[in-house]
């Protein structure tokens, strides 16, 4: 993943929402759905990694260590 300061959580979340909306279309072709599923999984992984890193930082601040 890119540096945390370069990561735009809101943008990635919105992109994931768009992928989900497209996947919910009953007329979607299987090839497109497969591609979107892969993109969605990648986005979920990036968002989870970002949140995990943020959690570690918050815990450090709470415990008083840098």
PDB file of N, CA and C in Angstrom:
ATOM      1  N   UNK A   1       0.839  -1.179   0.000  1.00  0.00           N
ATOM      2  CA  UNK A   1       0.000   0.000   0.000  1.00  0.00           C
ATOM      3  C   UNK A   1       0.878   1.234   0.000  1.00  0.00           C
ATOM      4  N   UNK A   2       0.335   2.343  -0.455  1.00  0.00           N
ATOM      5  CA  UNK A   2       1.085   3.585  -0.463  1.00  0.00           C
ATOM      6  C   UNK A   2       1.204   4.121   0.953  1.00  0.00           C
ATOM      7  N   UNK A   3       1.996   5.161   1.109  1.00  0.00           N
ATOM      8  CA  UNK A   3       2.142   5.769   2.422  1.00  0.00           C
ATOM      9  C   UNK A   3       0.781   6.191   2.944  1.00  0.00           C
ATOM     10  N   UNK A   4       0.636   6.118   4.251  1.00  0.00           N
ATOM     11  CA  UNK A   4      -0.643   6.450   4.867  1.00  0.00           C
ATOM     12  C   UNK A   4      -1.083   7.861   4.499  1.00  0.00           C
ATOM     13  N   UNK A   5      -0.148   8.799   4.439  1.00  0.00           N
ATOM     14  CA  UNK A   5      -0.512  10.184   4.139  1.00  0.00           C
ATOM     15  C   UNK A   5      -1.012  10.340   2.708  1.00  0.00           C
ATOM     16  N   UNK A   6      -0.675   9.403   1.825  1.00  0.00           N
ATOM     17  CA  UNK A   6      -1.120   9.450   0.434  1.00  0.00           C
ATOM     18  C   UNK A   6      -2.449   8.726   0.232  1.00  0.00           C
ATOM     19  N   UNK A   7      -2.934   8.061   1.235  1.00  0.00           N
ATOM     20  CA  UNK A   7      -4.137   7.242   1.121  1.00  0.00           C
ATOM     21  C   UNK A   7      -5.369   8.100   1.365  1.00  0.00           C
ATOM     22  N   UNK A   8      -6.327   8.030   0.472  1.00  0.00           N
ATOM     23  CA  UNK A   8      -7.576   8.789   0.612  1.00  0.00           C
ATOM     24  C   UNK A   8      -8.695   7.803   0.950  1.00  0.00           C
ATOM     25  N   UNK A   9      -8.972   7.679   2.239  1.00  0.00           N
ATOM     26  CA  UNK A   9      -9.958   6.709   2.711  1.00  0.00           C
ATOM     27  C   UNK A   9     -11.325   6.963   2.096  1.00  0.00           C
ATOM     28  N   UNK A  10     -11.736   8.203   2.080  1.00  0.00           N
ATOM     29  CA  UNK A  10     -13.063   8.534   1.549  1.00  0.00           C
ATOM     30  C   UNK A  10     -13.184   8.137   0.079  1.00  0.00           C
ATOM     31  N   UNK A  11     -12.164   8.452  -0.686  1.00  0.00           N
ATOM     32  CA  UNK A  11     -12.176   8.123  -2.113  1.00  0.00           C
ATOM     33  C   UNK A  11     -12.251   6.616  -2.332  1.00  0.00           C
ATOM     34  N   UNK A  12     -11.454   5.871  -1.582  1.00  0.00           N
ATOM     35  CA  UNK A  12     -11.463   4.408  -1.709  1.00  0.00           C
ATOM     36  C   UNK A  12     -12.803   3.824  -1.271  1.00  0.00           C
ATOM     37  N   UNK A  13     -13.404   4.393  -0.223  1.00  0.00           N
ATOM     38  CA  UNK A  13     -14.707   3.923   0.248  1.00  0.00           C
ATOM     39  C   UNK A  13     -15.781   4.175  -0.805  1.00  0.00           C
ATOM     40  N   UNK A  14     -15.730   5.354  -1.409  1.00  0.00           N
ATOM     41  CA  UNK A  14     -16.704   5.679  -2.454  1.00  0.00           C
ATOM     42  C   UNK A  14     -16.525   4.773  -3.668  1.00  0.00           C
ATOM     43  N   UNK A  15     -15.276   4.486  -3.997  1.00  0.00           N
ATOM     44  CA  UNK A  15     -15.007   3.578  -5.118  1.00  0.00           C
ATOM     45  C   UNK A  15     -15.586   2.196  -4.827  1.00  0.00           C
ATOM     46  N   UNK A  16     -15.424   1.727  -3.597  1.00  0.00           N
ATOM     47  CA  UNK A  16     -15.977   0.432  -3.206  1.00  0.00           C
ATOM     48  C   UNK A  16     -17.501   0.451  -3.283  1.00  0.00           C
ATOM     49  N   UNK A  17     -18.114   1.532  -2.843  1.00  0.00           N
ATOM     50  CA  UNK A  17     -19.564   1.653  -2.923  1.00  0.00           C
ATOM     51  C   UNK A  17     -20.043   1.575  -4.376  1.00  0.00           C
ATOM     52  N   UNK A  18     -19.296   2.184  -5.285  1.00  0.00           N
ATOM     53  CA  UNK A  18     -19.651   2.135  -6.703  1.00  0.00           C
ATOM     54  C   UNK A  18     -19.547   0.706  -7.244  1.00  0.00           C
ATOM     55  N   UNK A  19     -18.508   0.002  -6.825  1.00  0.00           N
ATOM     56  CA  UNK A  19     -18.331  -1.389  -7.248  1.00  0.00           C
ATOM     57  C   UNK A  19     -19.505  -2.230  -6.760  1.00  0.00           C
ATOM     58  N   UNK A  20     -19.874  -2.053  -5.498  1.00  0.00           N
ATOM     59  CA  UNK A  20     -20.996  -2.813  -4.929  1.00  0.00           C
ATOM     60  C   UNK A  20     -22.284  -2.498  -5.685  1.00  0.00           C
ATOM     61  N   UNK A  21     -22.508  -1.233  -5.973  1.00  0.00           N
ATOM     62  CA  UNK A  21     -23.720  -0.847  -6.706  1.00  0.00           C
ATOM     63  C   UNK A  21     -23.758  -1.503  -8.083  1.00  0.00           C
ATOM     64  N   UNK A  22     -22.627  -1.545  -8.749  1.00  0.00           N
ATOM     65  CA  UNK A  22     -22.570  -2.185 -10.065  1.00  0.00           C
ATOM     66  C   UNK A  22     -22.823  -3.686  -9.955  1.00  0.00           C
ATOM     67  N   UNK A  23     -22.297  -4.299  -8.917  1.00  0.00           N
ATOM     68  CA  UNK A  23     -22.493  -5.735  -8.728  1.00  0.00           C
ATOM     69  C   UNK A  23     -23.951  -6.075  -8.414  1.00  0.00           C
ATOM     70  N   UNK A  24     -24.691  -5.131  -7.876  1.00  0.00           N
ATOM     71  CA  UNK A  24     -26.090  -5.369  -7.542  1.00  0.00           C
ATOM     72  C   UNK A  24     -27.010  -5.257  -8.751  1.00  0.00           C
ATOM     73  N   UNK A  25     -26.481  -4.817  -9.861  1.00  0.00           N
ATOM     74  CA  UNK A  25     -27.268  -4.708 -11.087  1.00  0.00           C
ATOM     75  C   UNK A  25     -27.599  -6.125 -11.578  1.00  0.00           C
ATOM     76  N   UNK A  26     -28.871  -6.466 -11.681  1.00  0.00           N
ATOM     77  CA  UNK A  26     -29.228  -7.824 -12.093  1.00  0.00           C
ATOM     78  C   UNK A  26     -28.845  -8.148 -13.544  1.00  0.00           C
ATOM     79  N   UNK A  27     -28.563  -7.141 -14.330  1.00  0.00           N
ATOM     80  CA  UNK A  27     -28.215  -7.355 -15.737  1.00  0.00           C
ATOM     81  C   UNK A  27     -26.715  -7.441 -15.995  1.00  0.00           C
ATOM     82  N   UNK A  28     -25.907  -7.432 -14.938  1.00  0.00           N
ATOM     83  CA  UNK A  28     -24.451  -7.443 -15.113  1.00  0.00           C
ATOM     84  C   UNK A  28     -24.002  -8.775 -15.734  1.00  0.00           C
ATOM     85  N   UNK A  29     -23.073  -8.682 -16.637  1.00  0.00           N
ATOM     86  CA  UNK A  29     -22.497  -9.871 -17.268  1.00  0.00           C
ATOM     87  C   UNK A  29     -21.492 -10.522 -16.308  1.00  0.00           C
ATOM     88  N   UNK A  30     -21.370 -11.819 -16.385  1.00  0.00           N
ATOM     89  CA  UNK A  30     -20.507 -12.560 -15.452  1.00  0.00           C
ATOM     90  C   UNK A  30     -19.050 -12.122 -15.541  1.00  0.00           C
ATOM     91  N   UNK A  31     -18.567 -11.819 -16.743  1.00  0.00           N
ATOM     92  CA  UNK A  31     -17.175 -11.384 -16.892  1.00  0.00           C
ATOM     93  C   UNK A  31     -16.939 -10.060 -16.161  1.00  0.00           C
ATOM     94  N   UNK A  32     -17.872  -9.149 -16.306  1.00  0.00           N
ATOM     95  CA  UNK A  32     -17.759  -7.859 -15.631  1.00  0.00           C
ATOM     96  C   UNK A  32     -17.885  -8.034 -14.122  1.00  0.00           C
ATOM     97  N   UNK A  33     -18.789  -8.894 -13.684  1.00  0.00           N
ATOM     98  CA  UNK A  33     -18.968  -9.142 -12.254  1.00  0.00           C
ATOM     99  C   UNK A  33     -17.698  -9.719 -11.640  1.00  0.00           C
ATOM    100  N   UNK A  34     -17.044 -10.605 -12.363  1.00  0.00           N
ATOM    101  CA  UNK A  34     -15.802 -11.208 -11.872  1.00  0.00           C
ATOM    102  C   UNK A  34     -14.720 -10.148 -11.715  1.00  0.00           C
ATOM    103  N   UNK A  35     -14.604  -9.278 -12.704  1.00  0.00           N
ATOM    104  CA  UNK A  35     -13.608  -8.194 -12.627  1.00  0.00           C
ATOM    105  C   UNK A  35     -13.917  -7.260 -11.466  1.00  0.00           C
ATOM    106  N   UNK A  36     -15.186  -6.890 -11.327  1.00  0.00           N
ATOM    107  CA  UNK A  36     -15.572  -5.993 -10.244  1.00  0.00           C
ATOM    108  C   UNK A  36     -15.362  -6.637  -8.881  1.00  0.00           C
ATOM    109  N   UNK A  37     -15.608  -7.925  -8.782  1.00  0.00           N
ATOM    110  CA  UNK A  37     -15.387  -8.639  -7.524  1.00  0.00           C
ATOM    111  C   UNK A  37     -13.914  -8.554  -7.125  1.00  0.00           C
ATOM    112  N   UNK A  38     -13.037  -8.746  -8.089  1.00  0.00           N
ATOM    113  CA  UNK A  38     -11.597  -8.663  -7.827  1.00  0.00           C
ATOM    114  C   UNK A  38     -11.212  -7.255  -7.378  1.00  0.00           C
ATOM    115  N   UNK A  39     -11.738  -6.255  -8.058  1.00  0.00           N
ATOM    116  CA  UNK A  39     -11.466  -4.861  -7.681  1.00  0.00           C
ATOM    117  C   UNK A  39     -11.982  -4.593  -6.269  1.00  0.00           C
ATOM    118  N   UNK A  40     -13.174  -5.080  -5.975  1.00  0.00           N
ATOM    119  CA  UNK A  40     -13.754  -4.891  -4.652  1.00  0.00           C
ATOM    120  C   UNK A  40     -12.920  -5.516  -3.551  1.00  0.00           C
ATOM    121  N   UNK A  41     -12.443  -6.722  -3.791  1.00  0.00           N
ATOM    122  CA  UNK A  41     -11.596  -7.383  -2.788  1.00  0.00           C
ATOM    123  C   UNK A  41     -10.306  -6.606  -2.542  1.00  0.00           C
ATOM    124  N   UNK A  42      -9.730  -6.064  -3.606  1.00  0.00           N
ATOM    125  CA  UNK A  42      -8.508  -5.261  -3.473  1.00  0.00           C
ATOM    126  C   UNK A  42      -8.783  -4.010  -2.645  1.00  0.00           C
ATOM    127  N   UNK A  43      -9.885  -3.343  -2.932  1.00  0.00           N
ATOM    128  CA  UNK A  43     -10.247  -2.143  -2.184  1.00  0.00           C
ATOM    129  C   UNK A  43     -10.498  -2.461  -0.709  1.00  0.00           C
ATOM    130  N   UNK A  44     -11.198  -3.544  -0.454  1.00  0.00           N
ATOM    131  CA  UNK A  44     -11.457  -3.953   0.931  1.00  0.00           C
ATOM    132  C   UNK A  44     -10.144  -4.193   1.664  1.00  0.00           C
ATOM    133  N   UNK A  45      -9.201  -4.861   1.019  1.00  0.00           N
ATOM    134  CA  UNK A  45      -7.899  -5.111   1.629  1.00  0.00           C
ATOM    135  C   UNK A  45      -7.170  -3.821   1.949  1.00  0.00           C
ATOM    136  N   UNK A  46      -7.197  -2.875   1.028  1.00  0.00           N
ATOM    137  CA  UNK A  46      -6.525  -1.586   1.249  1.00  0.00           C
ATOM    138  C   UNK A  46      -7.179  -0.821   2.397  1.00  0.00           C
ATOM    139  N   UNK A  47      -8.506  -0.825   2.433  1.00  0.00           N
ATOM    140  CA  UNK A  47      -9.221  -0.124   3.501  1.00  0.00           C
ATOM    141  C   UNK A  47      -8.947  -0.777   4.858  1.00  0.00           C
ATOM    142  N   UNK A  48      -8.960  -2.096   4.910  1.00  0.00           N
ATOM    143  CA  UNK A  48      -8.675  -2.798   6.165  1.00  0.00           C
ATOM    144  C   UNK A  48      -7.261  -2.518   6.649  1.00  0.00           C
ATOM    145  N   UNK A  49      -6.308  -2.523   5.731  1.00  0.00           N
ATOM    146  CA  UNK A  49      -4.922  -2.247   6.114  1.00  0.00           C
ATOM    147  C   UNK A  49      -4.787  -0.837   6.681  1.00  0.00           C
ATOM    148  N   UNK A  50      -5.440   0.107   6.033  1.00  0.00           N
ATOM    149  CA  UNK A  50      -5.399   1.487   6.508  1.00  0.00           C
ATOM    150  C   UNK A  50      -5.993   1.593   7.911  1.00  0.00           C
ATOM    151  N   UNK A  51      -7.142   0.968   8.105  1.00  0.00           N
ATOM    152  CA  UNK A  51      -7.797   1.023   9.411  1.00  0.00           C
ATOM    153  C   UNK A  51      -6.969   0.328  10.490  1.00  0.00           C
ATOM    154  N   UNK A  52      -6.331  -0.767  10.142  1.00  0.00           N
ATOM    155  CA  UNK A  52      -5.463  -1.457  11.108  1.00  0.00           C
ATOM    156  C   UNK A  52      -4.294  -0.576  11.512  1.00  0.00           C
ATOM    157  N   UNK A  53      -3.695   0.119  10.545  1.00  0.00           N
ATOM    158  CA  UNK A  53      -2.594   1.027  10.847  1.00  0.00           C
ATOM    159  C   UNK A  53      -3.068   2.185  11.719  1.00  0.00           C
ATOM    160  N   UNK A  54      -4.248   2.695  11.414  1.00  0.00           N
ATOM    161  CA  UNK A  54      -4.805   3.786  12.211  1.00  0.00           C
ATOM    162  C   UNK A  54      -5.075   3.319  13.645  1.00  0.00           C
ATOM    163  N   UNK A  55      -5.552   2.095  13.796  1.00  0.00           N
ATOM    164  CA  UNK A  55      -5.817   1.559  15.126  1.00  0.00           C
ATOM    165  C   UNK A  55      -4.532   1.456  15.945  1.00  0.00           C
ATOM    166  N   UNK A  56      -3.468   1.015  15.312  1.00  0.00           N
ATOM    167  CA  UNK A  56      -2.176   0.916  16.000  1.00  0.00           C
ATOM    168  C   UNK A  56      -1.726   2.293  16.471  1.00  0.00           C
ATOM    169  N   UNK A  57      -1.872   3.291  15.605  1.00  0.00           N
ATOM    170  CA  UNK A  57      -1.472   4.650  15.989  1.00  0.00           C
ATOM    171  C   UNK A  57      -2.313   5.181  17.137  1.00  0.00           C
ATOM    172  N   UNK A  58      -3.609   4.938  17.102  1.00  0.00           N
ATOM    173  CA  UNK A  58      -4.488   5.409  18.180  1.00  0.00           C
ATOM    174  C   UNK A  58      -4.092   4.732  19.494  1.00  0.00           C
ATOM    175  N   UNK A  59      -3.842   3.451  19.443  1.00  0.00           N
ATOM    176  CA  UNK A  59      -3.442   2.721  20.663  1.00  0.00           C
ATOM    177  C   UNK A  59      -2.117   3.268  21.200  1.00  0.00           C
ATOM    178  N   UNK A  60      -1.188   3.627  20.314  1.00  0.00           N
ATOM    179  CA  UNK A  60       0.076   4.217  20.764  1.00  0.00           C
ATOM    180  C   UNK A  60      -0.169   5.533  21.480  1.00  0.00           C
ATOM    181  N   UNK A  61      -1.032   6.364  20.924  1.00  0.00           N
ATOM    182  CA  UNK A  61      -1.327   7.661  21.539  1.00  0.00           C
ATOM    183  C   UNK A  61      -2.026   7.498  22.873  1.00  0.00           C
ATOM    184  N   UNK A  62      -2.921   6.526  22.955  1.00  0.00           N
ATOM    185  CA  UNK A  62      -3.634   6.288  24.198  1.00  0.00           C
ATOM    186  C   UNK A  62      -2.688   5.812  25.283  1.00  0.00           C
ATOM    187  N   UNK A  63      -1.757   4.937  24.905  1.00  0.00           N
ATOM    188  CA  UNK A  63      -0.818   4.399  25.883  1.00  0.00           C
ATOM    189  C   UNK A  63       0.316   5.371  26.193  1.00  0.00           C
ATOM    190  N   UNK A  64       0.428   6.437  25.400  1.00  0.00           N
ATOM    191  CA  UNK A  64       1.437   7.464  25.659  1.00  0.00           C
ATOM    192  C   UNK A  64       2.784   7.208  25.032  1.00  0.00           C
ATOM    193  N   UNK A  65       2.890   6.208  24.141  1.00  0.00           N
ATOM    194  CA  UNK A  65       4.147   5.951  23.455  1.00  0.00           C
ATOM    195  C   UNK A  65       4.082   6.492  22.036  1.00  0.00           C
ATOM    196  N   UNK A  66       5.221   6.801  21.488  1.00  0.00           N
ATOM    197  CA  UNK A  66       5.250   7.319  20.112  1.00  0.00           C
ATOM    198  C   UNK A  66       5.786   6.337  19.155  1.00  0.00           C
TER     199      UNK A  66
END
